[in-house]
C-alpha atoms as a PDB file:
ATOM      1  CA  UNK A   1      -0.183  -0.061   0.103  1.00  0.00           C
ATOM      2  CA  UNK A   2       1.261   3.474  -1.059  1.00  0.00           C
ATOM      3  CA  UNK A   3       1.438   6.890   0.742  1.00  0.00           C
ATOM      4  CA  UNK A   4       0.210   9.381  -1.529  1.00  0.00           C
ATOM      5  CA  UNK A   5       1.623  13.043  -0.896  1.00  0.00           C
ATOM      6  CA  UNK A   6      -0.398  15.513  -3.006  1.00  0.00           C
ATOM      7  CA  UNK A   7       1.967  17.599  -3.942  1.00  0.00           C
ATOM      8  CA  UNK A   8       4.184  20.913  -5.902  1.00  0.00           C
ATOM      9  CA  UNK A   9       8.026  21.403  -5.644  1.00  0.00           C
ATOM     10  CA  UNK A  10       7.966  25.416  -5.724  1.00  0.00           C
ATOM     11  CA  UNK A  11       5.712  24.931  -2.165  1.00  0.00           C
ATOM     12  CA  UNK A  12       7.530  25.190   1.082  1.00  0.00           C
ATOM     13  CA  UNK A  13       5.155  23.439   3.091  1.00  0.00           C
ATOM     14  CA  UNK A  14       5.279  20.447   0.559  1.00  0.00           C
ATOM     15  CA  UNK A  15       9.026  20.500   0.292  1.00  0.00           C
ATOM     16  CA  UNK A  16       9.046  20.411   4.188  1.00  0.00           C
ATOM     17  CA  UNK A  17       7.018  17.470   4.538  1.00  0.00           C
ATOM     18  CA  UNK A  18       9.188  15.671   1.812  1.00  0.00           C
ATOM     19  CA  UNK A  19      12.507  16.251   3.811  1.00  0.00           C
ATOM     20  CA  UNK A  20      11.028  15.511   7.139  1.00  0.00           C
ATOM     21  CA  UNK A  21       9.496  12.055   5.275  1.00  0.00           C
ATOM     22  CA  UNK A  22      13.611  11.709   4.175  1.00  0.00           C
ATOM     23  CA  UNK A  23      14.669  12.038   7.691  1.00  0.00           C
ATOM     24  CA  UNK A  24      11.596   9.693   9.138  1.00  0.00           C
ATOM     25  CA  UNK A  25      12.781   6.690   6.619  1.00  0.00           C
ATOM     26  CA  UNK A  26       9.331   6.614   5.125  1.00  0.00           C
ATOM     27  CA  UNK A  27       8.340   6.323   1.172  1.00  0.00           C
ATOM     28  CA  UNK A  28       5.914   8.382  -0.180  1.00  0.00           C
ATOM     29  CA  UNK A  29       4.670   8.318  -3.399  1.00  0.00           C
ATOM     30  CA  UNK A  30       4.559  12.146  -5.067  1.00  0.00           C
ATOM     31  CA  UNK A  31       1.508  13.146  -6.906  1.00  0.00           C
ATOM     32  CA  UNK A  32       2.354  16.364  -8.394  1.00  0.00           C
ATOM     33  CA  UNK A  33      -0.302  18.584  -8.498  1.00  0.00           C
ATOM     34  CA  UNK A  34      -0.503  21.621 -10.641  1.00  0.00           C
ATOM     35  CA  UNK A  35      -2.481  24.108  -8.361  1.00  0.00           C
ATOM     36  CA  UNK A  36      -2.930  26.701 -11.332  1.00  0.00           C
ATOM     37  CA  UNK A  37      -4.225  24.227 -13.683  1.00  0.00           C
ATOM     38  CA  UNK A  38      -7.107  23.288 -10.881  1.00  0.00           C
ATOM     39  CA  UNK A  39      -5.807  19.984 -10.102  1.00  0.00           C
ATOM     40  CA  UNK A  40      -6.640  20.427  -6.212  1.00  0.00           C
ATOM     41  CA  UNK A  41     -10.329  21.180  -7.208  1.00  0.00           C
ATOM     42  CA  UNK A  42     -11.338  18.326  -8.379  1.00  0.00           C
ATOM     43  CA  UNK A  43     -14.466  16.114  -6.782  1.00  0.00           C
ATOM     44  CA  UNK A  44     -11.652  13.471  -6.058  1.00  0.00           C
ATOM     45  CA  UNK A  45      -9.353  16.459  -4.275  1.00  0.00           C
ATOM     46  CA  UNK A  46     -12.135  18.059  -2.254  1.00  0.00           C
ATOM     47  CA  UNK A  47     -13.148  14.715  -0.918  1.00  0.00           C
ATOM     48  CA  UNK A  48      -9.465  14.331   0.784  1.00  0.00           C
ATOM     49  CA  UNK A  49      -9.280  18.393   1.837  1.00  0.00           C
ATOM     50  CA  UNK A  50     -12.193  20.491   1.471  1.00  0.00           C
ATOM     51  CA  UNK A  51      -9.645  23.223   1.610  1.00  0.00           C
ATOM     52  CA  UNK A  52      -8.313  22.134  -1.496  1.00  0.00           C
ATOM     53  CA  UNK A  53      -4.793  22.939  -0.270  1.00  0.00           C
ATOM     54  CA  UNK A  54      -1.344  21.306  -0.942  1.00  0.00           C
ATOM     55  CA  UNK A  55       0.441  19.279   0.905  1.00  0.00           C
ATOM     56  CA  UNK A  56      -2.072  16.602   1.306  1.00  0.00           C
ATOM     57  CA  UNK A  57      -1.647  13.161   2.283  1.00  0.00           C
ATOM     58  CA  UNK A  58      -3.740   9.949   1.206  1.00  0.00           C
ATOM     59  CA  UNK A  59      -2.298   7.135   3.713  1.00  0.00           C
ATOM     60  CA  UNK A  60      -4.392   4.305   2.364  1.00  0.00           C
ATOM     61  CA  UNK A  61      -7.475   6.467   2.797  1.00  0.00           C
ATOM     62  CA  UNK A  62      -6.843   8.628   5.606  1.00  0.00           C
ATOM     63  CA  UNK A  63      -6.656  12.538   4.508  1.00  0.00           C
ATOM     64  CA  UNK A  64      -4.451  14.700   6.549  1.00  0.00           C
ATOM     65  CA  UNK A  65      -3.075  18.139   5.205  1.00  0.00           C
ATOM     66  CA  UNK A  66      -1.318  21.220   6.819  1.00  0.00           C
ATOM     67  CA  UNK A  67       2.775  20.651   6.520  1.00  0.00           C
ATOM     68  CA  UNK A  68       3.273  20.105  10.218  1.00  0.00           C
ATOM     69  CA  UNK A  69       0.532  18.008  11.200  1.00  0.00           C
ATOM     70  CA  UNK A  70       1.547  16.049   8.248  1.00  0.00           C
ATOM     71  CA  UNK A  71       5.008  15.606   9.727  1.00  0.00           C
ATOM     72  CA  UNK A  72       4.195  14.826  13.027  1.00  0.00           C
ATOM     73  CA  UNK A  73       1.626  12.308  12.182  1.00  0.00           C
ATOM     74  CA  UNK A  74       4.035  10.372   9.834  1.00  0.00           C
ATOM     75  CA  UNK A  75       6.518  10.342  12.557  1.00  0.00           C
ATOM     76  CA  UNK A  76       4.058   8.806  15.157  1.00  0.00           C
ATOM     77  CA  UNK A  77       2.904   6.367  12.854  1.00  0.00           C
ATOM     78  CA  UNK A  78       6.106   5.331  11.052  1.00  0.00           C
ATOM     79  CA  UNK A  79       9.330   6.935  13.032  1.00  0.00           C
ATOM     80  CA  UNK A  80      11.437   5.023  14.988  1.00  0.00           C
ATOM     81  CA  UNK A  81      14.506   7.605  16.216  1.00  0.00           C
ATOM     82  CA  UNK A  82      12.970   8.939  19.004  1.00  0.00           C
ATOM     83  CA  UNK A  83      15.359  12.045  18.672  1.00  0.00           C
ATOM     84  CA  UNK A  84      14.002  13.547  15.815  1.00  0.00           C
ATOM     85  CA  UNK A  85      10.714  13.944  17.909  1.00  0.00           C
ATOM     86  CA  UNK A  86      11.108  13.390  21.526  1.00  0.00           C
ATOM     87  CA  UNK A  87       8.909  12.082  23.928  1.00  0.00           C
ATOM     88  CA  UNK A  88      10.459  13.873  26.736  1.00  0.00           C
ATOM     89  CA  UNK A  89       7.503  16.422  27.211  1.00  0.00           C
ATOM     90  CA  UNK A  90       9.944  19.670  27.301  1.00  0.00           C
ATOM     91  CA  UNK A  91      12.019  18.676  24.087  1.00  0.00           C
ATOM     92  CA  UNK A  92       8.943  17.722  22.078  1.00  0.00           C
ATOM     93  CA  UNK A  93       7.184  21.198  23.009  1.00  0.00           C
ATOM     94  CA  UNK A  94      10.821  23.040  21.750  1.00  0.00           C
ATOM     95  CA  UNK A  95      10.117  21.289  18.558  1.00  0.00           C
ATOM     96  CA  UNK A  96       6.664  21.782  18.502  1.00  0.00           C
ATOM     97  CA  UNK A  97       7.193  25.643  19.159  1.00  0.00           C
ATOM     98  CA  UNK A  98       9.938  25.680  16.111  1.00  0.00           C
ATOM     99  CA  UNK A  99       6.869  23.888  13.877  1.00  0.00           C
ATOM    100  CA  UNK A 100       4.306  26.914  14.941  1.00  0.00           C
ATOM    101  CA  UNK A 101       6.798  29.662  14.802  1.00  0.00           C
ATOM    102  CA  UNK A 102       7.675  28.827  11.276  1.00  0.00           C
ATOM    103  CA  UNK A 103       3.900  28.603  10.426  1.00  0.00           C
ATOM    104  CA  UNK A 104       2.926  31.764  12.180  1.00  0.00           C
ATOM    105  CA  UNK A 105       5.365  33.740  12.188  1.00  0.00           C
ATOM    106  CA  UNK A 106       8.455  33.204  10.002  1.00  0.00           C
ATOM    107  CA  UNK A 107       6.610  32.025   6.819  1.00  0.00           C
ATOM    108  CA  UNK A 108       3.703  33.945   7.241  1.00  0.00           C
ATOM    109  CA  UNK A 109       5.488  37.245   7.507  1.00  0.00           C
ATOM    110  CA  UNK A 110       7.498  36.137   4.462  1.00  0.00           C
ATOM    111  CA  UNK A 111       4.380  35.646   2.328  1.00  0.00           C
ATOM    112  CA  UNK A 112       2.758  38.847   3.811  1.00  0.00           C
ATOM    113  CA  UNK A 113       5.486  40.880   2.501  1.00  0.00           C
ATOM    114  CA  UNK A 114       7.001  39.002  -1.132  1.00  0.00           C
ATOM    115  CA  UNK A 115       3.160  37.921  -2.130  1.00  0.00           C
ATOM    116  CA  UNK A 116       1.247  40.809  -2.511  1.00  0.00           C
ATOM    117  CA  UNK A 117       3.972  43.045  -4.624  1.00  0.00           C
ATOM    118  CA  UNK A 118       5.447  40.060  -6.422  1.00  0.00           C
ATOM    119  CA  UNK A 119       2.428  38.995  -7.645  1.00  0.00           C
ATOM    120  CA  UNK A 120      -0.373  41.039  -7.180  1.00  0.00           C
ATOM    121  CA  UNK A 121       0.895  44.668  -8.328  1.00  0.00           C
ATOM    122  CA  UNK A 122       1.037  45.961  -4.516  1.00  0.00           C
ATOM    123  CA  UNK A 123       3.478  48.666  -3.430  1.00  0.00           C
ATOM    124  CA  UNK A 124       6.360  47.107  -1.332  1.00  0.00           C
ATOM    125  CA  UNK A 125       5.432  47.974   2.352  1.00  0.00           C
ATOM    126  CA  UNK A 126       8.364  48.159   4.384  1.00  0.00           C
ATOM    127  CA  UNK A 127       6.801  47.810   7.405  1.00  0.00           C
ATOM    128  CA  UNK A 128       6.229  43.962   6.638  1.00  0.00           C
ATOM    129  CA  UNK A 129       9.827  43.944   5.074  1.00  0.00           C
ATOM    130  CA  UNK A 130      10.964  44.667   8.940  1.00  0.00           C
ATOM    131  CA  UNK A 131       8.589  42.464  10.463  1.00  0.00           C
ATOM    132  CA  UNK A 132      10.162  39.862   8.145  1.00  0.00           C
ATOM    133  CA  UNK A 133      13.890  40.624   8.858  1.00  0.00           C
ATOM    134  CA  UNK A 134      12.523  40.690  12.702  1.00  0.00           C
ATOM    135  CA  UNK A 135      11.294  37.136  12.645  1.00  0.00           C
ATOM    136  CA  UNK A 136      14.835  35.983  11.208  1.00  0.00           C
ATOM    137  CA  UNK A 137      16.141  38.207  14.189  1.00  0.00           C
ATOM    138  CA  UNK A 138      13.966  36.057  16.365  1.00  0.00           C
ATOM    139  CA  UNK A 139      15.257  32.931  14.671  1.00  0.00           C
ATOM    140  CA  UNK A 140      18.838  34.100  15.172  1.00  0.00           C
ATOM    141  CA  UNK A 141      18.622  34.105  19.273  1.00  0.00           C
ATOM    142  CA  UNK A 142      16.750  30.990  19.133  1.00  0.00           C
ATOM    143  CA  UNK A 143      19.878  29.413  17.383  1.00  0.00           C
ATOM    144  CA  UNK A 144      22.108  30.825  19.609  1.00  0.00           C
ATOM    145  CA  UNK A 145      24.461  27.938  20.970  1.00  0.00           C
ATOM    146  CA  UNK A 146      22.255  25.611  19.325  1.00  0.00           C
ATOM    147  CA  UNK A 147      24.019  23.439  16.376  1.00  0.00           C
ATOM    148  CA  UNK A 148      20.345  22.248  14.861  1.00  0.00           C
ATOM    149  CA  UNK A 149      16.607  24.530  15.424  1.00  0.00           C
ATOM    150  CA  UNK A 150      15.741  22.513  18.684  1.00  0.00           C
ATOM    151  CA  UNK A 151      18.763  21.516  19.948  1.00  0.00           C
ATOM    152  CA  UNK A 152      21.888  19.839  19.038  1.00  0.00           C
ATOM    153  CA  UNK A 153      20.751  16.990  16.971  1.00  0.00           C
ATOM    154  CA  UNK A 154      18.576  17.063  14.310  1.00  0.00           C
ATOM    155  CA  UNK A 155      14.881  17.178  14.585  1.00  0.00           C
ATOM    156  CA  UNK A 156      11.667  17.327  12.597  1.00  0.00           C
ATOM    157  CA  UNK A 157      11.692  20.845  12.932  1.00  0.00           C
ATOM    158  CA  UNK A 158      14.511  21.345  11.060  1.00  0.00           C
ATOM    159  CA  UNK A 159      12.958  19.721   7.827  1.00  0.00           C
ATOM    160  CA  UNK A 160      10.138  22.358   8.222  1.00  0.00           C
ATOM    161  CA  UNK A 161      12.341  25.417   8.956  1.00  0.00           C
ATOM    162  CA  UNK A 162      14.879  24.656   6.201  1.00  0.00           C
ATOM    163  CA  UNK A 163      12.558  24.784   3.613  1.00  0.00           C
ATOM    164  CA  UNK A 164      11.073  27.871   4.469  1.00  0.00           C
ATOM    165  CA  UNK A 165      14.291  29.594   5.127  1.00  0.00           C
ATOM    166  CA  UNK A 166      15.580  28.256   1.780  1.00  0.00           C
ATOM    167  CA  UNK A 167      12.613  29.670   0.057  1.00  0.00           C
ATOM    168  CA  UNK A 168      12.958  33.479   1.260  1.00  0.00           C
ATOM    169  CA  UNK A 169      16.932  33.228   0.887  1.00  0.00           C
ATOM    170  CA  UNK A 170      16.561  32.252  -3.120  1.00  0.00           C
ATOM    171  CA  UNK A 171      14.555  35.053  -3.689  1.00  0.00           C
ATOM    172  CA  UNK A 172      17.001  37.443  -2.059  1.00  0.00           C
ATOM    173  CA  UNK A 173      14.829  39.681  -0.384  1.00  0.00           C
ATOM    174  CA  UNK A 174      16.830  38.875   3.277  1.00  0.00           C
ATOM    175  CA  UNK A 175      20.567  38.594   3.719  1.00  0.00           C
ATOM    176  CA  UNK A 176      21.500  35.326   5.779  1.00  0.00           C
ATOM    177  CA  UNK A 177      24.743  36.720   6.839  1.00  0.00           C
ATOM    178  CA  UNK A 178      23.581  39.412   8.837  1.00  0.00           C
ATOM    179  CA  UNK A 179      21.936  36.566  10.676  1.00  0.00           C
ATOM    180  CA  UNK A 180      25.054  34.299  11.711  1.00  0.00           C
ATOM    181  CA  UNK A 181      23.546  31.930  13.961  1.00  0.00           C
ATOM    182  CA  UNK A 182      20.814  31.538  10.592  1.00  0.00           C
ATOM    183  CA  UNK A 183      23.414  31.429   8.443  1.00  0.00           C
ATOM    184  CA  UNK A 184      25.460  28.672  10.017  1.00  0.00           C
ATOM    185  CA  UNK A 185      22.303  26.542  10.921  1.00  0.00           C
ATOM    186  CA  UNK A 186      21.277  26.692   7.008  1.00  0.00           C
ATOM    187  CA  UNK A 187      24.456  25.589   5.878  1.00  0.00           C
ATOM    188  CA  UNK A 188      24.577  22.446   8.607  1.00  0.00           C
ATOM    189  CA  UNK A 189      20.923  21.600   7.292  1.00  0.00           C
ATOM    190  CA  UNK A 190      22.073  21.557   3.352  1.00  0.00           C
ATOM    191  CA  UNK A 191      25.027  19.233   4.665  1.00  0.00           C
ATOM    192  CA  UNK A 192      23.035  16.623   7.001  1.00  0.00           C
ATOM    193  CA  UNK A 193      19.195  16.618   5.924  1.00  0.00           C
ATOM    194  CA  UNK A 194      18.921  13.782   3.569  1.00  0.00           C
ATOM    195  CA  UNK A 195      18.714  14.149  -0.124  1.00  0.00           C
ATOM    196  CA  UNK A 196      18.335  18.063   0.699  1.00  0.00           C
ATOM    197  CA  UNK A 197      19.263  19.155  -3.177  1.00  0.00           C
ATOM    198  CA  UNK A 198      16.606  16.727  -4.765  1.00  0.00           C
ATOM    199  CA  UNK A 199      13.890  17.201  -1.862  1.00  0.00           C
ATOM    200  CA  UNK A 200      14.603  20.494  -1.494  1.00  0.00           C
ATOM    201  CA  UNK A 201      16.595  22.784  -3.120  1.00  0.00           C
ATOM    202  CA  UNK A 202      15.474  21.755  -6.730  1.00  0.00           C
ATOM    203  CA  UNK A 203      11.901  22.922  -5.904  1.00  0.00           C
ATOM    204  CA  UNK A 204      13.292  26.174  -4.749  1.00  0.00           C
ATOM    205  CA  UNK A 205      15.162  26.988  -7.406  1.00  0.00           C
ATOM    206  CA  UNK A 206      12.139  25.947  -9.281  1.00  0.00           C
ATOM    207  CA  UNK A 207      10.273  28.672  -7.339  1.00  0.00           C
ATOM    208  CA  UNK A 208      12.674  31.242  -8.210  1.00  0.00           C
ATOM    209  CA  UNK A 209      12.526  30.427 -11.630  1.00  0.00           C
ATOM    210  CA  UNK A 210       8.535  30.771 -11.873  1.00  0.00           C
ATOM    211  CA  UNK A 211       9.125  33.897  -9.826  1.00  0.00           C
ATOM    212  CA  UNK A 212      11.384  35.284 -12.741  1.00  0.00           C
ATOM    213  CA  UNK A 213       9.145  34.405 -15.071  1.00  0.00           C
ATOM    214  CA  UNK A 214       6.173  36.456 -13.640  1.00  0.00           C
ATOM    215  CA  UNK A 215       8.402  39.547 -13.477  1.00  0.00           C
ATOM    216  CA  UNK A 216       8.802  39.199 -16.839  1.00  0.00           C
ATOM    217  CA  UNK A 217       5.210  38.815 -18.001  1.00  0.00           C
ATOM    218  CA  UNK A 218       4.520  41.963 -15.762  1.00  0.00           C
ATOM    219  CA  UNK A 219       6.740  43.875 -17.556  1.00  0.00           C
ATOM    220  CA  UNK A 220       5.326  42.696 -21.213  1.00  0.00           C
END
């Protein structure tokens, strides 16, 4: 029986799931889903996920969406290495906090700043850029004295955060060198997350390519 992941490589949350699955050691059947063509609006897809978002997981009829929920589900069902998502309540809480920070602060502030001006023609909002820079400052403090996002061993949080940070980094709106702890951590993640290039870097590059193509079309 296969575990299907409805996925697009340009999506940071999708790539976060894929990176985490590589860490956990679970094989996913990738079902590429083109949102622009409405492939997430079919009756079959809406039956799985009425919010019609990706990533969406189909584990033999068990449907789940929201990337961090998918990541923790995959670990809870298939994971064997407890260091990735520790059983200790305090250590696990730190991993969860990093997940929520990634979802609700870091990635959200990036979307709030980047998407309106890039895809909808709104003027660049410098206040929102400053909020994004503040989020990277927060992450820099969290990483002080820590090799990985939640301590000195790699966890599921690193997969989610690395996908988000790589997306912000590749479009060039944040200079990671201004955040030495983030820059150091990201370098370590690129080296130690399994299959990083295929699972994440190629998709981040595709996202940058799509952004550049969109910018050219706006100028024509």
